[in-house]
């Protein structure tokens, strides 16, 4: 149960962290 919560929290953190990176990459490509 705790591992599931930890994976869920890390997944949210990864989504928040990858969002600006994707925007930067998309801005550099265009």
Protein backbone atom coordinates (compact mmCIF):
# COMPACT_ATOMS: atom_id res chain seq x y z
CA UNK A 1 0.00 0.00 0.00
CA UNK A 2 2.76 2.43 0.92
CA UNK A 3 4.72 1.49 -2.20
CA UNK A 4 1.63 2.26 -4.29
CA UNK A 5 1.29 5.67 -2.66
CA UNK A 6 5.00 6.30 -3.18
CA UNK A 7 4.78 5.35 -6.87
CA UNK A 8 1.70 7.51 -7.28
CA UNK A 9 3.42 10.50 -5.68
CA UNK A 10 6.60 10.01 -7.73
CA UNK A 11 4.46 9.70 -10.86
CA UNK A 12 2.83 13.05 -10.12
CA UNK A 13 6.22 14.61 -9.42
CA UNK A 14 7.58 13.16 -12.67
CA UNK A 15 4.61 14.58 -14.59
CA UNK A 16 5.12 18.03 -13.06
CA UNK A 17 8.87 17.89 -13.70
CA UNK A 18 8.58 16.70 -17.30
CA UNK A 19 5.97 19.29 -18.24
CA UNK A 20 8.33 22.34 -18.47
CA UNK A 21 11.01 20.15 -20.04
CA UNK A 22 8.59 19.11 -22.79
CA UNK A 23 7.64 22.75 -23.31
CA UNK A 24 11.30 23.76 -23.60
CA UNK A 25 12.06 20.96 -26.06
CA UNK A 26 8.94 21.78 -28.09
CA UNK A 27 9.92 25.47 -28.13
CA UNK A 28 13.45 24.62 -29.27
CA UNK A 29 12.24 22.31 -32.05
CA UNK A 30 9.84 24.85 -33.55
